[in-house]
Amino acid sequence: MVNEVKQRRTERGISQGSLGEAIGVSRQTINAIETGRYMPSLPLAFALAGFFETTIEGLFEPEKGDMR
């Protein structure tokens, strides 16, 4: 899964900690999502999409071979 979380966060000039605080998770969780080590739950994906005023599909995209 690839995502645009880091790109959108840096475009807004906010830290991982600030984003995590805004949606109720830790900075470490945001880091893990950005680096692809953690796939967020559906409620967390909705929270991120809402924060960035986009859709889940606008933030996350499966890599080739992920769709089974």
C-alpha atoms as a PDB file:
ATOM      1  CA  MET A   1       0.000   0.000   0.000  1.00  0.00           C
ATOM      2  CA  VAL A   2       1.352   3.402  -0.925  1.00  0.00           C
ATOM      3  CA  ASN A   3       0.051   6.581   0.638  1.00  0.00           C
ATOM      4  CA  GLU A   4       0.282  10.351   0.400  1.00  0.00           C
ATOM      5  CA  VAL A   5       0.098  11.064   4.129  1.00  0.00           C
ATOM      6  CA  LYS A   6       3.659  12.403   4.412  1.00  0.00           C
ATOM      7  CA  GLN A   7       3.334  14.505   1.268  1.00  0.00           C
ATOM      8  CA  ARG A   8       0.073  16.096   2.400  1.00  0.00           C
ATOM      9  CA  ARG A   9       1.366  16.619   5.948  1.00  0.00           C
ATOM     10  CA  THR A  10       4.536  18.359   4.798  1.00  0.00           C
ATOM     11  CA  GLU A  11       2.575  20.488   2.312  1.00  0.00           C
ATOM     12  CA  ARG A  12       0.614  21.811   5.285  1.00  0.00           C
ATOM     13  CA  GLY A  13       3.783  22.302   7.305  1.00  0.00           C
ATOM     14  CA  ILE A  14       2.708  20.217  10.279  1.00  0.00           C
ATOM     15  CA  SER A  15       4.693  17.709  12.279  1.00  0.00           C
ATOM     16  CA  GLN A  16       3.913  14.046  12.744  1.00  0.00           C
ATOM     17  CA  GLY A  17       3.149  14.791  16.382  1.00  0.00           C
ATOM     18  CA  SER A  18       0.676  17.541  15.507  1.00  0.00           C
ATOM     19  CA  LEU A  19      -1.112  15.333  12.999  1.00  0.00           C
ATOM     20  CA  GLY A  20      -1.255  12.479  15.486  1.00  0.00           C
ATOM     21  CA  GLU A  21      -2.649  14.766  18.172  1.00  0.00           C
ATOM     22  CA  ALA A  22      -5.289  16.117  15.779  1.00  0.00           C
ATOM     23  CA  ILE A  23      -6.643  12.651  14.998  1.00  0.00           C
ATOM     24  CA  GLY A  24      -5.957  10.937  18.334  1.00  0.00           C
ATOM     25  CA  VAL A  25      -2.925   8.740  17.666  1.00  0.00           C
ATOM     26  CA  SER A  26       0.776   8.906  18.512  1.00  0.00           C
ATOM     27  CA  ARG A  27       3.560  10.401  16.429  1.00  0.00           C
ATOM     28  CA  GLN A  28       4.949   6.880  16.112  1.00  0.00           C
ATOM     29  CA  THR A  29       1.715   5.696  14.511  1.00  0.00           C
ATOM     30  CA  ILE A  30       1.864   8.500  11.938  1.00  0.00           C
ATOM     31  CA  ASN A  31       5.507   7.620  11.225  1.00  0.00           C
ATOM     32  CA  ALA A  32       4.632   3.938  10.767  1.00  0.00           C
ATOM     33  CA  ILE A  33       1.792   4.806   8.364  1.00  0.00           C
ATOM     34  CA  GLU A  34       3.999   7.166   6.344  1.00  0.00           C
ATOM     35  CA  THR A  35       6.753   4.586   5.992  1.00  0.00           C
ATOM     36  CA  GLY A  36       4.341   1.777   5.108  1.00  0.00           C
ATOM     37  CA  ARG A  37       5.084  -0.331   8.184  1.00  0.00           C
ATOM     38  CA  TYR A  38       1.518  -0.001   9.464  1.00  0.00           C
ATOM     39  CA  MET A  39      -1.742  -0.126   7.539  1.00  0.00           C
ATOM     40  CA  PRO A  40      -4.316   2.000   9.368  1.00  0.00           C
ATOM     41  CA  SER A  41      -7.673   0.661  10.448  1.00  0.00           C
ATOM     42  CA  LEU A  42     -10.689   1.871   8.509  1.00  0.00           C
ATOM     43  CA  PRO A  43     -11.694   4.396  11.221  1.00  0.00           C
ATOM     44  CA  LEU A  44      -8.145   5.776  11.260  1.00  0.00           C
ATOM     45  CA  ALA A  45      -8.061   5.975   7.457  1.00  0.00           C
ATOM     46  CA  PHE A  46     -11.342   7.926   7.572  1.00  0.00           C
ATOM     47  CA  ALA A  47      -9.883  10.261  10.226  1.00  0.00           C
ATOM     48  CA  LEU A  48      -6.815  10.936   8.072  1.00  0.00           C
ATOM     49  CA  ALA A  49      -8.941  11.502   4.967  1.00  0.00           C
ATOM     50  CA  GLY A  50     -11.193  13.864   6.897  1.00  0.00           C
ATOM     51  CA  PHE A  51      -8.239  15.804   8.256  1.00  0.00           C
ATOM     52  CA  PHE A  52      -6.829  16.273   4.760  1.00  0.00           C
ATOM     53  CA  GLU A  53     -10.294  16.903   3.275  1.00  0.00           C
ATOM     54  CA  THR A  54     -10.034  14.095   0.759  1.00  0.00           C
ATOM     55  CA  THR A  55     -11.201  10.527   0.300  1.00  0.00           C
ATOM     56  CA  ILE A  56      -9.489   7.402   1.546  1.00  0.00           C
ATOM     57  CA  GLU A  57      -8.718   6.608  -2.084  1.00  0.00           C
ATOM     58  CA  GLY A  58      -7.097  10.030  -2.337  1.00  0.00           C
ATOM     59  CA  LEU A  59      -4.617   9.066   0.393  1.00  0.00           C
ATOM     60  CA  PHE A  60      -4.087   5.339  -0.038  1.00  0.00           C
ATOM     61  CA  GLU A  61      -3.553   3.249  -3.136  1.00  0.00           C
ATOM     62  CA  PRO A  62      -2.810  -0.470  -3.352  1.00  0.00           C
ATOM     63  CA  GLU A  63       0.434  -1.432  -5.034  1.00  0.00           C
ATOM     64  CA  LYS A  64       0.300  -3.822  -7.948  1.00  0.00           C
ATOM     65  CA  GLY A  65      -0.289  -7.287  -6.573  1.00  0.00           C
ATOM     66  CA  ASP A  66      -1.955  -6.071  -3.364  1.00  0.00           C
ATOM     67  CA  MET A  67      -5.443  -6.592  -4.740  1.00  0.00           C
ATOM     68  CA  ARG A  68      -6.387 -10.244  -4.342  1.00  0.00           C
END
